[in-house]
C-alpha atoms as a PDB file:
ATOM      1  CA  MET A   1    -105.367 167.729 122.242  1.00  0.00           C
ATOM      2  CA  LYS A   2    -108.517 169.030 123.168  1.00  0.00           C
ATOM      3  CA  ARG A   3    -110.235 166.869 126.367  1.00  0.00           C
ATOM      4  CA  LEU A   4    -112.751 164.734 125.847  1.00  0.00           C
ATOM      5  CA  HIS A   5    -115.810 163.881 127.265  1.00  0.00           C
ATOM      6  CA  GLY A   6    -117.598 161.112 128.563  1.00  0.00           C
ATOM      7  CA  MET A   7    -120.320 161.569 125.826  1.00  0.00           C
ATOM      8  CA  GLU A   8    -117.688 161.893 122.950  1.00  0.00           C
ATOM      9  CA  LEU A   9    -115.969 158.832 124.093  1.00  0.00           C
ATOM     10  CA  PHE A  10    -119.867 156.673 124.043  1.00  0.00           C
ATOM     11  CA  ALA A  11    -120.194 158.147 120.570  1.00  0.00           C
ATOM     12  CA  GLU A  12    -116.616 156.668 119.101  1.00  0.00           C
ATOM     13  CA  VAL A  13    -117.455 153.628 120.862  1.00  0.00           C
ATOM     14  CA  ALA A  14    -120.550 152.705 119.532  1.00  0.00           C
ATOM     15  CA  LYS A  15    -118.849 153.899 116.147  1.00  0.00           C
ATOM     16  CA  ALA A  16    -116.168 151.520 116.324  1.00  0.00           C
ATOM     17  CA  HIS A  17    -117.476 149.132 118.144  1.00  0.00           C
ATOM     18  CA  SER A  18    -114.406 148.901 120.339  1.00  0.00           C
ATOM     19  CA  PHE A  19    -113.220 150.481 123.339  1.00  0.00           C
ATOM     20  CA  SER A  20    -109.334 149.380 121.848  1.00  0.00           C
ATOM     21  CA  ARG A  21    -110.573 151.285 118.098  1.00  0.00           C
ATOM     22  CA  ALA A  22    -112.395 153.894 119.136  1.00  0.00           C
ATOM     23  CA  ALA A  23    -109.045 155.089 121.936  1.00  0.00           C
ATOM     24  CA  ALA A  24    -106.671 154.609 118.538  1.00  0.00           C
ATOM     25  CA  ALA A  25    -109.189 156.865 116.540  1.00  0.00           C
ATOM     26  CA  LEU A  26    -108.731 160.024 118.981  1.00  0.00           C
ATOM     27  CA  GLY A  27    -105.465 159.052 120.586  1.00  0.00           C
ATOM     28  CA  VAL A  28    -106.162 158.179 124.114  1.00  0.00           C
ATOM     29  CA  PRO A  29    -105.314 155.674 126.292  1.00  0.00           C
ATOM     30  CA  ALA A  30    -107.945 152.632 126.091  1.00  0.00           C
ATOM     31  CA  SER A  31    -108.240 152.851 130.387  1.00  0.00           C
ATOM     32  CA  THR A  32    -109.863 156.020 129.715  1.00  0.00           C
ATOM     33  CA  VAL A  33    -112.705 155.487 127.629  1.00  0.00           C
ATOM     34  CA  SER A  34    -113.435 152.449 128.896  1.00  0.00           C
ATOM     35  CA  ARG A  35    -113.321 154.832 132.543  1.00  0.00           C
ATOM     36  CA  GLN A  36    -115.183 157.382 131.186  1.00  0.00           C
ATOM     37  CA  VAL A  37    -117.619 155.599 129.432  1.00  0.00           C
ATOM     38  CA  ALA A  38    -118.868 153.595 132.372  1.00  0.00           C
ATOM     39  CA  GLU A  39    -118.991 157.223 134.713  1.00  0.00           C
ATOM     40  CA  LEU A  40    -121.430 158.423 131.590  1.00  0.00           C
ATOM     41  CA  GLU A  41    -123.740 154.947 132.281  1.00  0.00           C
ATOM     42  CA  ARG A  42    -123.079 155.797 136.096  1.00  0.00           C
ATOM     43  CA  SER A  43    -124.682 159.119 135.342  1.00  0.00           C
ATOM     44  CA  VAL A  44    -127.899 157.773 133.495  1.00  0.00           C
ATOM     45  CA  GLY A  45    -128.525 155.264 135.438  1.00  0.00           C
ATOM     46  CA  LEU A  46    -128.392 152.455 132.222  1.00  0.00           C
ATOM     47  CA  ARG A  47    -126.120 149.913 130.954  1.00  0.00           C
ATOM     48  CA  LEU A  48    -125.217 151.656 127.122  1.00  0.00           C
ATOM     49  CA  LEU A  49    -122.796 148.932 125.992  1.00  0.00           C
ATOM     50  CA  ASN A  50    -123.151 145.436 125.863  1.00  0.00           C
ATOM     51  CA  ARG A  51    -119.593 144.246 126.097  1.00  0.00           C
ATOM     52  CA  SER A  52    -117.387 141.114 125.006  1.00  0.00           C
ATOM     53  CA  THR A  53    -114.266 139.939 124.383  1.00  0.00           C
ATOM     54  CA  ARG A  54    -115.002 140.332 120.529  1.00  0.00           C
ATOM     55  CA  ARG A  55    -117.563 143.474 120.387  1.00  0.00           C
ATOM     56  CA  VAL A  56    -118.770 145.854 121.846  1.00  0.00           C
ATOM     57  CA  GLU A  57    -122.769 145.872 121.194  1.00  0.00           C
ATOM     58  CA  LEU A  58    -125.443 148.846 121.797  1.00  0.00           C
ATOM     59  CA  THR A  59    -127.890 147.800 123.948  1.00  0.00           C
ATOM     60  CA  GLU A  60    -131.931 149.910 123.087  1.00  0.00           C
ATOM     61  CA  ALA A  61    -131.085 152.470 125.553  1.00  0.00           C
ATOM     62  CA  GLY A  62    -127.621 153.049 124.042  1.00  0.00           C
ATOM     63  CA  ARG A  63    -129.000 152.964 120.622  1.00  0.00           C
ATOM     64  CA  LEU A  64    -131.500 155.968 121.352  1.00  0.00           C
ATOM     65  CA  TYR A  65    -128.856 157.487 123.452  1.00  0.00           C
ATOM     66  CA  PHE A  66    -126.452 157.403 120.066  1.00  0.00           C
ATOM     67  CA  GLU A  67    -128.879 158.715 117.918  1.00  0.00           C
ATOM     68  CA  ARG A  68    -129.420 161.980 120.146  1.00  0.00           C
ATOM     69  CA  CYS A  69    -126.067 162.527 121.314  1.00  0.00           C
ATOM     70  CA  ARG A  70    -123.928 161.858 117.723  1.00  0.00           C
ATOM     71  CA  ARG A  71    -125.405 165.536 116.287  1.00  0.00           C
ATOM     72  CA  ILE A  72    -124.677 167.021 119.821  1.00  0.00           C
ATOM     73  CA  VAL A  73    -121.302 165.669 119.332  1.00  0.00           C
ATOM     74  CA  ALA A  74    -120.859 166.498 115.436  1.00  0.00           C
ATOM     75  CA  GLU A  75    -121.498 169.965 116.454  1.00  0.00           C
ATOM     76  CA  ALA A  76    -119.226 170.549 119.595  1.00  0.00           C
ATOM     77  CA  GLU A  77    -116.819 169.558 116.832  1.00  0.00           C
ATOM     78  CA  VAL A  78    -117.043 171.544 114.577  1.00  0.00           C
ATOM     79  CA  ALA A  79    -117.565 174.460 116.871  1.00  0.00           C
ATOM     80  CA  HIS A  80    -113.647 173.110 118.444  1.00  0.00           C
ATOM     81  CA  GLU A  81    -112.408 173.810 114.764  1.00  0.00           C
ATOM     82  CA  GLU A  82    -113.241 176.815 114.573  1.00  0.00           C
ATOM     83  CA  LEU A  83    -112.325 177.530 117.906  1.00  0.00           C
ATOM     84  CA  ARG A  84    -108.569 175.734 116.894  1.00  0.00           C
ATOM     85  CA  GLY A  85    -108.153 177.419 113.172  1.00  0.00           C
ATOM     86  CA  GLU A  86    -108.328 173.653 112.206  1.00  0.00           C
ATOM     87  CA  LEU A  87    -110.985 174.663 109.043  1.00  0.00           C
ATOM     88  CA  GLU A  88    -108.349 175.064 106.494  1.00  0.00           C
ATOM     89  CA  VAL A  89    -105.905 171.964 107.894  1.00  0.00           C
ATOM     90  CA  PRO A  90    -108.522 169.331 108.487  1.00  0.00           C
ATOM     91  CA  SER A  91    -106.790 166.211 110.933  1.00  0.00           C
ATOM     92  CA  GLY A  92    -108.000 163.840 112.879  1.00  0.00           C
ATOM     93  CA  PRO A  93    -109.654 160.237 112.023  1.00  0.00           C
ATOM     94  CA  LEU A  94    -112.074 159.809 109.096  1.00  0.00           C
ATOM     95  CA  ARG A  95    -114.016 156.576 108.713  1.00  0.00           C
ATOM     96  CA  ILE A  96    -115.366 155.838 105.528  1.00  0.00           C
ATOM     97  CA  GLN A  97    -117.699 153.280 103.970  1.00  0.00           C
ATOM     98  CA  VAL A  98    -118.258 152.239 100.519  1.00  0.00           C
ATOM     99  CA  GLY A  99    -120.693 150.177  99.433  1.00  0.00           C
ATOM    100  CA  THR A 100    -119.014 147.363  97.382  1.00  0.00           C
ATOM    101  CA  ALA A 101    -115.079 145.866  97.766  1.00  0.00           C
ATOM    102  CA  TYR A 102    -115.177 147.249  93.429  1.00  0.00           C
ATOM    103  CA  GLY A 103    -116.173 150.832  94.721  1.00  0.00           C
ATOM    104  CA  MET A 104    -112.298 150.680  97.235  1.00  0.00           C
ATOM    105  CA  ASP A 105    -110.774 149.492  94.224  1.00  0.00           C
ATOM    106  CA  ALA A 106    -111.980 152.471  91.787  1.00  0.00           C
ATOM    107  CA  LEU A 107    -111.605 155.769  94.877  1.00  0.00           C
ATOM    108  CA  LEU A 108    -108.384 154.104  96.142  1.00  0.00           C
ATOM    109  CA  PRO A 109    -106.452 156.794  94.362  1.00  0.00           C
ATOM    110  CA  ALA A 110    -108.411 159.361  95.439  1.00  0.00           C
ATOM    111  CA  LEU A 111    -107.423 158.519  98.913  1.00  0.00           C
ATOM    112  CA  ALA A 112    -104.137 158.720  98.974  1.00  0.00           C
ATOM    113  CA  ALA A 113    -104.114 161.108  96.914  1.00  0.00           C
ATOM    114  CA  PHE A 114    -106.140 162.912  99.795  1.00  0.00           C
ATOM    115  CA  GLY A 115    -104.296 161.439 102.514  1.00  0.00           C
ATOM    116  CA  GLN A 116    -101.274 163.263 100.507  1.00  0.00           C
ATOM    117  CA  ARG A 117    -102.817 167.022 100.970  1.00  0.00           C
ATOM    118  CA  TYR A 118    -103.614 166.637 104.135  1.00  0.00           C
ATOM    119  CA  PRO A 119    -101.270 164.531 106.354  1.00  0.00           C
ATOM    120  CA  GLY A 120    -103.496 165.296 109.270  1.00  0.00           C
ATOM    121  CA  VAL A 121    -106.232 162.907 108.381  1.00  0.00           C
ATOM    122  CA  HIS A 122    -105.719 158.907 109.265  1.00  0.00           C
ATOM    123  CA  PHE A 123    -108.250 157.011 107.787  1.00  0.00           C
ATOM    124  CA  HIS A 124    -110.843 154.277 108.982  1.00  0.00           C
ATOM    125  CA  LEU A 125    -111.612 152.302 105.980  1.00  0.00           C
ATOM    126  CA  SER A 126    -114.626 149.843 105.594  1.00  0.00           C
ATOM    127  CA  LEU A 127    -116.957 147.981 103.168  1.00  0.00           C
ATOM    128  CA  THR A 128    -120.553 146.855 103.540  1.00  0.00           C
ATOM    129  CA  SER A 129    -122.960 145.030 102.167  1.00  0.00           C
ATOM    130  CA  GLY A 130    -125.155 147.810 101.073  1.00  0.00           C
ATOM    131  CA  THR A 131    -128.640 146.269 102.821  1.00  0.00           C
ATOM    132  CA  GLY A 132    -128.833 149.126 105.258  1.00  0.00           C
ATOM    133  CA  GLY A 133    -132.410 149.063 103.799  1.00  0.00           C
ATOM    134  CA  GLY A 134    -131.815 154.004 104.016  1.00  0.00           C
ATOM    135  CA  ARG A 135    -129.836 153.801 107.248  1.00  0.00           C
ATOM    136  CA  ALA A 136    -127.041 155.371 108.055  1.00  0.00           C
ATOM    137  CA  PRO A 137    -124.533 153.619 108.825  1.00  0.00           C
ATOM    138  CA  GLN A 138    -122.661 153.773 112.361  1.00  0.00           C
ATOM    139  CA  ALA A 139    -119.622 153.616 112.158  1.00  0.00           C
ATOM    140  CA  CYS A 140    -118.455 156.290 109.247  1.00  0.00           C
ATOM    141  CA  ASP A 141    -118.123 159.253 109.008  1.00  0.00           C
ATOM    142  CA  VAL A 142    -118.934 159.328 104.982  1.00  0.00           C
ATOM    143  CA  SER A 143    -120.664 156.809 103.110  1.00  0.00           C
ATOM    144  CA  VAL A 144    -120.015 155.928  98.856  1.00  0.00           C
ATOM    145  CA  ARG A 145    -122.926 154.619  97.796  1.00  0.00           C
ATOM    146  CA  PHE A 146    -123.343 154.054  94.036  1.00  0.00           C
ATOM    147  CA  GLY A 147    -126.864 153.852  91.803  1.00  0.00           C
ATOM    148  CA  ASP A 148    -130.220 155.303  92.299  1.00  0.00           C
ATOM    149  CA  LEU A 149    -130.887 156.349  96.056  1.00  0.00           C
ATOM    150  CA  PRO A 150    -133.988 155.993  98.293  1.00  0.00           C
ATOM    151  CA  ASP A 151    -135.657 158.695  99.551  1.00  0.00           C
ATOM    152  CA  SER A 152    -134.941 159.215 103.413  1.00  0.00           C
ATOM    153  CA  SER A 153    -134.621 161.590 105.845  1.00  0.00           C
ATOM    154  CA  LEU A 154    -130.156 160.821 105.331  1.00  0.00           C
ATOM    155  CA  VAL A 155    -128.232 163.876 103.163  1.00  0.00           C
ATOM    156  CA  ALA A 156    -126.395 162.973 100.082  1.00  0.00           C
ATOM    157  CA  ARG A 157    -124.429 164.766  97.657  1.00  0.00           C
ATOM    158  CA  ARG A 158    -123.857 163.717  94.200  1.00  0.00           C
ATOM    159  CA  LEU A 159    -120.284 162.980  93.493  1.00  0.00           C
ATOM    160  CA  GLY A 160    -120.275 162.112  89.784  1.00  0.00           C
ATOM    161  CA  THR A 161    -120.568 158.656  87.737  1.00  0.00           C
ATOM    162  CA  ILE A 162    -118.609 156.168  86.833  1.00  0.00           C
ATOM    163  CA  ARG A 163    -119.004 152.660  84.280  1.00  0.00           C
ATOM    164  CA  ALA A 164    -117.185 149.999  83.431  1.00  0.00           C
ATOM    165  CA  ARG A 165    -115.904 148.886  80.202  1.00  0.00           C
ATOM    166  CA  LEU A 166    -114.927 145.175  78.982  1.00  0.00           C
ATOM    167  CA  TYR A 167    -110.582 144.451  78.918  1.00  0.00           C
ATOM    168  CA  ALA A 168    -108.884 141.137  78.286  1.00  0.00           C
ATOM    169  CA  SER A 169    -105.138 140.338  78.016  1.00  0.00           C
ATOM    170  CA  PRO A 170    -103.289 141.071  74.895  1.00  0.00           C
ATOM    171  CA  ASP A 171    -102.404 137.163  74.577  1.00  0.00           C
ATOM    172  CA  TYR A 172    -106.185 136.439  75.491  1.00  0.00           C
ATOM    173  CA  LEU A 173    -107.263 138.109  71.952  1.00  0.00           C
ATOM    174  CA  ALA A 174    -104.497 137.029  70.025  1.00  0.00           C
ATOM    175  CA  ALA A 175    -105.324 133.652  70.776  1.00  0.00           C
ATOM    176  CA  ARG A 176    -108.749 133.348  70.703  1.00  0.00           C
ATOM    177  CA  GLY A 177    -109.681 136.857  68.589  1.00  0.00           C
ATOM    178  CA  ALA A 178    -110.910 140.317  68.990  1.00  0.00           C
ATOM    179  CA  PRO A 179    -114.415 140.397  69.390  1.00  0.00           C
ATOM    180  CA  GLY A 180    -115.517 142.837  66.237  1.00  0.00           C
ATOM    181  CA  SER A 181    -119.139 142.524  68.468  1.00  0.00           C
ATOM    182  CA  PRO A 182    -121.471 142.260  71.341  1.00  0.00           C
ATOM    183  CA  ALA A 183    -122.726 138.885  69.701  1.00  0.00           C
ATOM    184  CA  ASP A 184    -119.176 137.453  69.809  1.00  0.00           C
ATOM    185  CA  LEU A 185    -119.054 137.541  73.186  1.00  0.00           C
ATOM    186  CA  ALA A 186    -121.056 134.355  73.194  1.00  0.00           C
ATOM    187  CA  ARG A 187    -117.956 132.192  71.895  1.00  0.00           C
ATOM    188  CA  HIS A 188    -115.523 134.140  74.539  1.00  0.00           C
ATOM    189  CA  ASP A 189    -114.584 133.391  78.307  1.00  0.00           C
ATOM    190  CA  ARG A 190    -116.723 135.676  80.450  1.00  0.00           C
ATOM    191  CA  ILE A 191    -115.306 136.675  83.731  1.00  0.00           C
ATOM    192  CA  GLY A 192    -118.161 137.362  85.589  1.00  0.00           C
ATOM    193  CA  LEU A 193    -118.988 139.321  88.958  1.00  0.00           C
ATOM    194  CA  ARG A 194    -121.544 137.717  91.613  1.00  0.00           C
ATOM    195  CA  THR A 195    -124.120 139.776  93.145  1.00  0.00           C
ATOM    196  CA  GLY A 196    -125.446 140.400  96.226  1.00  0.00           C
ATOM    197  CA  GLY A 197    -127.824 137.219  95.737  1.00  0.00           C
ATOM    198  CA  GLY A 198    -125.319 134.740  94.723  1.00  0.00           C
ATOM    199  CA  GLN A 199    -125.653 135.037  90.980  1.00  0.00           C
ATOM    200  CA  THR A 200    -123.507 136.555  88.059  1.00  0.00           C
ATOM    201  CA  ALA A 201    -125.196 139.537  86.359  1.00  0.00           C
ATOM    202  CA  PRO A 202    -125.017 140.331  82.656  1.00  0.00           C
ATOM    203  CA  TRP A 203    -123.350 142.850  80.761  1.00  0.00           C
ATOM    204  CA  PRO A 204    -125.990 145.697  79.586  1.00  0.00           C
ATOM    205  CA  LEU A 205    -123.732 147.250  77.030  1.00  0.00           C
ATOM    206  CA  GLN A 206    -124.676 150.383  75.435  1.00  0.00           C
ATOM    207  CA  ARG A 207    -122.992 152.207  71.820  1.00  0.00           C
ATOM    208  CA  CYS A 208    -124.908 155.629  71.674  1.00  0.00           C
ATOM    209  CA  ALA A 209    -128.626 154.550  70.971  1.00  0.00           C
ATOM    210  CA  ASP A 210    -127.441 151.050  70.551  1.00  0.00           C
ATOM    211  CA  ARG A 211    -128.247 148.164  73.483  1.00  0.00           C
ATOM    212  CA  PHE A 212    -126.739 144.550  73.780  1.00  0.00           C
ATOM    213  CA  LEU A 213    -127.480 142.684  76.879  1.00  0.00           C
ATOM    214  CA  ALA A 214    -124.340 140.164  76.973  1.00  0.00           C
ATOM    215  CA  ASP A 215    -125.770 137.022  79.628  1.00  0.00           C
ATOM    216  CA  PHE A 216    -123.944 134.579  78.251  1.00  0.00           C
ATOM    217  CA  PRO A 217    -122.859 132.015  80.903  1.00  0.00           C
ATOM    218  CA  PRO A 218    -119.453 132.607  82.412  1.00  0.00           C
ATOM    219  CA  ARG A 219    -116.390 130.518  82.960  1.00  0.00           C
ATOM    220  CA  TYR A 220    -115.690 132.118  86.040  1.00  0.00           C
ATOM    221  CA  CYS A 221    -118.070 133.692  88.770  1.00  0.00           C
ATOM    222  CA  VAL A 222    -115.572 135.654  91.242  1.00  0.00           C
ATOM    223  CA  ASP A 223    -117.004 138.402  93.794  1.00  0.00           C
ATOM    224  CA  ASP A 224    -114.220 140.327  93.950  1.00  0.00           C
ATOM    225  CA  ALA A 225    -113.106 143.126  90.877  1.00  0.00           C
ATOM    226  CA  GLY A 226    -109.483 142.764  91.657  1.00  0.00           C
ATOM    227  CA  MET A 227    -109.885 138.813  90.728  1.00  0.00           C
ATOM    228  CA  ALA A 228    -111.930 140.176  88.351  1.00  0.00           C
ATOM    229  CA  GLU A 229    -108.678 142.148  86.751  1.00  0.00           C
ATOM    230  CA  LYS A 230    -105.997 139.744  88.144  1.00  0.00           C
ATOM    231  CA  LEU A 231    -108.148 136.843  85.626  1.00  0.00           C
ATOM    232  CA  ALA A 232    -108.279 138.894  82.759  1.00  0.00           C
ATOM    233  CA  VAL A 233    -104.061 140.042  83.331  1.00  0.00           C
ATOM    234  CA  LEU A 234    -103.113 136.088  82.719  1.00  0.00           C
ATOM    235  CA  GLY A 235    -105.479 135.675  80.172  1.00  0.00           C
ATOM    236  CA  GLY A 236    -108.354 133.791  81.855  1.00  0.00           C
ATOM    237  CA  GLY A 237    -111.040 135.901  79.532  1.00  0.00           C
ATOM    238  CA  ILE A 238    -113.045 139.065  79.059  1.00  0.00           C
ATOM    239  CA  ALA A 239    -113.588 141.103  82.230  1.00  0.00           C
ATOM    240  CA  ALA A 240    -116.189 144.419  83.077  1.00  0.00           C
ATOM    241  CA  LEU A 241    -113.297 146.369  85.096  1.00  0.00           C
ATOM    242  CA  GLY A 242    -113.899 149.821  86.926  1.00  0.00           C
ATOM    243  CA  GLY A 243    -111.272 152.260  87.739  1.00  0.00           C
ATOM    244  CA  ASP A 244    -108.388 153.108  85.514  1.00  0.00           C
ATOM    245  CA  MET A 245    -106.762 150.346  84.049  1.00  0.00           C
ATOM    246  CA  ARG A 246    -104.250 152.834  81.501  1.00  0.00           C
ATOM    247  CA  ARG A 247    -101.118 151.808  83.640  1.00  0.00           C
ATOM    248  CA  ARG A 248    -102.121 148.243  82.442  1.00  0.00           C
ATOM    249  CA  GLN A 249    -102.839 149.008  79.288  1.00  0.00           C
ATOM    250  CA  ARG A 250     -99.222 150.590  78.891  1.00  0.00           C
ATOM    251  CA  ALA A 251     -97.983 148.000  80.887  1.00  0.00           C
ATOM    252  CA  GLY A 252     -99.386 145.105  78.325  1.00  0.00           C
ATOM    253  CA  GLU A 253    -101.019 143.214  80.464  1.00  0.00           C
ATOM    254  CA  LEU A 254    -104.731 144.884  79.583  1.00  0.00           C
ATOM    255  CA  ALA A 255    -106.264 146.072  76.130  1.00  0.00           C
ATOM    256  CA  LEU A 256    -109.514 147.592  75.248  1.00  0.00           C
ATOM    257  CA  VAL A 257    -112.002 144.712  74.211  1.00  0.00           C
ATOM    258  CA  LEU A 258    -115.405 146.574  72.534  1.00  0.00           C
ATOM    259  CA  PRO A 259    -113.784 150.056  72.659  1.00  0.00           C
ATOM    260  CA  ASP A 260    -116.840 152.198  71.431  1.00  0.00           C
ATOM    261  CA  TRP A 261    -119.366 150.301  73.887  1.00  0.00           C
ATOM    262  CA  SER A 262    -119.217 150.122  77.794  1.00  0.00           C
ATOM    263  CA  LEU A 263    -121.559 149.567  80.183  1.00  0.00           C
ATOM    264  CA  PRO A 264    -124.451 152.138  81.740  1.00  0.00           C
ATOM    265  CA  PRO A 265    -123.141 155.647  83.955  1.00  0.00           C
ATOM    266  CA  VAL A 266    -123.891 154.253  88.111  1.00  0.00           C
ATOM    267  CA  GLU A 267    -124.230 157.652  89.786  1.00  0.00           C
ATOM    268  CA  VAL A 268    -121.559 157.717  93.086  1.00  0.00           C
ATOM    269  CA  HIS A 269    -123.319 159.875  96.416  1.00  0.00           C
ATOM    270  CA  ALA A 270    -121.569 160.371  99.666  1.00  0.00           C
ATOM    271  CA  VAL A 271    -123.773 159.694 102.354  1.00  0.00           C
ATOM    272  CA  THR A 272    -124.082 161.483 105.823  1.00  0.00           C
ATOM    273  CA  ASP A 273    -127.164 161.456 108.237  1.00  0.00           C
ATOM    274  CA  THR A 274    -126.366 165.287 109.056  1.00  0.00           C
ATOM    275  CA  ARG A 275    -125.633 168.763 107.237  1.00  0.00           C
ATOM    276  CA  LEU A 276    -122.688 169.999 110.047  1.00  0.00           C
ATOM    277  CA  LEU A 277    -120.033 168.013 109.183  1.00  0.00           C
ATOM    278  CA  PRO A 278    -116.506 168.575 110.104  1.00  0.00           C
ATOM    279  CA  ALA A 279    -113.451 169.642 108.157  1.00  0.00           C
ATOM    280  CA  LYS A 280    -112.207 166.777 107.435  1.00  0.00           C
ATOM    281  CA  THR A 281    -115.219 165.225 106.421  1.00  0.00           C
ATOM    282  CA  ARG A 282    -116.556 168.405 103.821  1.00  0.00           C
ATOM    283  CA  ARG A 283    -113.195 168.507 102.369  1.00  0.00           C
ATOM    284  CA  PHE A 284    -112.899 164.842 101.499  1.00  0.00           C
ATOM    285  CA  ILE A 285    -116.591 164.835  99.938  1.00  0.00           C
ATOM    286  CA  ASP A 286    -115.202 167.609  98.164  1.00  0.00           C
ATOM    287  CA  PHE A 287    -112.158 166.318  96.788  1.00  0.00           C
ATOM    288  CA  LEU A 288    -113.948 163.245  95.404  1.00  0.00           C
ATOM    289  CA  ALA A 289    -116.240 164.935  93.587  1.00  0.00           C
ATOM    290  CA  ASP A 290    -113.312 167.421  91.815  1.00  0.00           C
ATOM    291  CA  TYR A 291    -111.549 163.515  91.374  1.00  0.00           C
ATOM    292  CA  LEU A 292    -114.552 162.038  89.876  1.00  0.00           C
ATOM    293  CA  ASP A 293    -115.561 165.234  87.638  1.00  0.00           C
ATOM    294  CA  GLY A 294    -111.644 164.697  86.429  1.00  0.00           C
ATOM    295  CA  SER A 295    -111.386 161.170  85.624  1.00  0.00           C
ATOM    296  CA  ALA A 296    -113.040 160.518  82.628  1.00  0.00           C
ATOM    297  CA  SER A 297    -111.531 157.263  82.264  1.00  0.00           C
ATOM    298  CA  CYS A 298    -113.153 156.478  85.517  1.00  0.00           C
ATOM    299  CA  ALA A 299    -115.081 153.000  85.012  1.00  0.00           C
ATOM    300  CA  TRP A 300    -117.286 150.980  86.825  1.00  0.00           C
ATOM    301  CA  PRO A 301    -118.726 147.502  87.634  1.00  0.00           C
ATOM    302  CA  GLU A 302    -122.408 147.074  86.592  1.00  0.00           C
ATOM    303  CA  THR A 303    -123.227 144.669  89.738  1.00  0.00           C
ATOM    304  CA  ALA A 304    -122.087 148.613  91.572  1.00  0.00           C
ATOM    305  CA  VAL A 305    -125.977 149.161  91.028  1.00  0.00           C
ATOM    306  CA  GLU A 306    -127.166 146.094  93.331  1.00  0.00           C
ATOM    307  CA  ASP A 307    -125.868 148.645  96.368  1.00  0.00           C
ATOM    308  CA  ALA A 308    -128.017 151.388  95.780  1.00  0.00           C
ATOM    309  CA  GLY A 309    -130.857 150.657  98.805  1.00  0.00           C
ATOM    310  CA  ALA A 310    -127.458 151.251 101.267  1.00  0.00           C
ATOM    311  CA  GLY A 311    -127.927 155.061 100.807  1.00  0.00           C
ATOM    312  CA  ALA A 312    -130.289 158.176 100.425  1.00  0.00           C
ATOM    313  CA  ARG A 313    -131.336 160.890  98.671  1.00  0.00           C
ATOM    314  CA  SER A 314    -130.958 164.416 100.322  1.00  0.00           C
ATOM    315  CA  LYS A 315    -134.684 166.001 101.466  1.00  0.00           C
ATOM    316  CA  GLY A 316    -133.891 169.239 100.234  1.00  0.00           C
END
């Protein structure tokens, strides 16, 4: 294992907001992390972290120091990989943020497949509300964002598109009848997903050049895609679901509703704060792009568009 220096340990603590989580990610004792970060603070003559029993936060000086040193740490990590010959076999911690709970549900198969291909990589997954306003999340190596992205100094790679389709249980459709047109949805129970503002978004359905805004009051309002899927399986109504539902369909748990109609495609981006990426991060981004490109059935809830503000486009 390579020797870890104070700057590198500090950067890991700043990302994880925890000495213990940073130690676990790096595979070193927490006492070592605490001691070397304290030595770094003494050497610069400033307190970089505010410590509490629950969380570690950056001071103003620590925030400025972290902004400068994280790129230095990234360059050092790439250099270490080249010297150790690890470019072909990525390893180590990979911190991934996904902008919505819906995204985590849809991307979990890709994460599992990547983990099987590269057993030396271990994952730290988290969700974010997507209200970052274009800033790079500090606690991750790559952030997966959905929808159009505003311009910023961050680096974004387009991975592909995903979309949502309508599903209900066969028992529900047998009891209530399958809608023959989008207008028929008015007499059905809609399972709606709440947006970040607390409202339930309508379904902007499309079929080639045809458009229909299904803005009927939902019977169920939920803020988690897994809950919407479960309600649909239990016969609660019709839901717009992303991800691969073929397993549910084969098991007779869900059936497509209005199969010629879907929600608009939503673009997916991988966002980082630098182009100089460790091998594990580059391999993961490439893997996601291949996965989305080859997953024609991948679909997405319409409310993911609201998360667009958390990412950023690449300039150049």
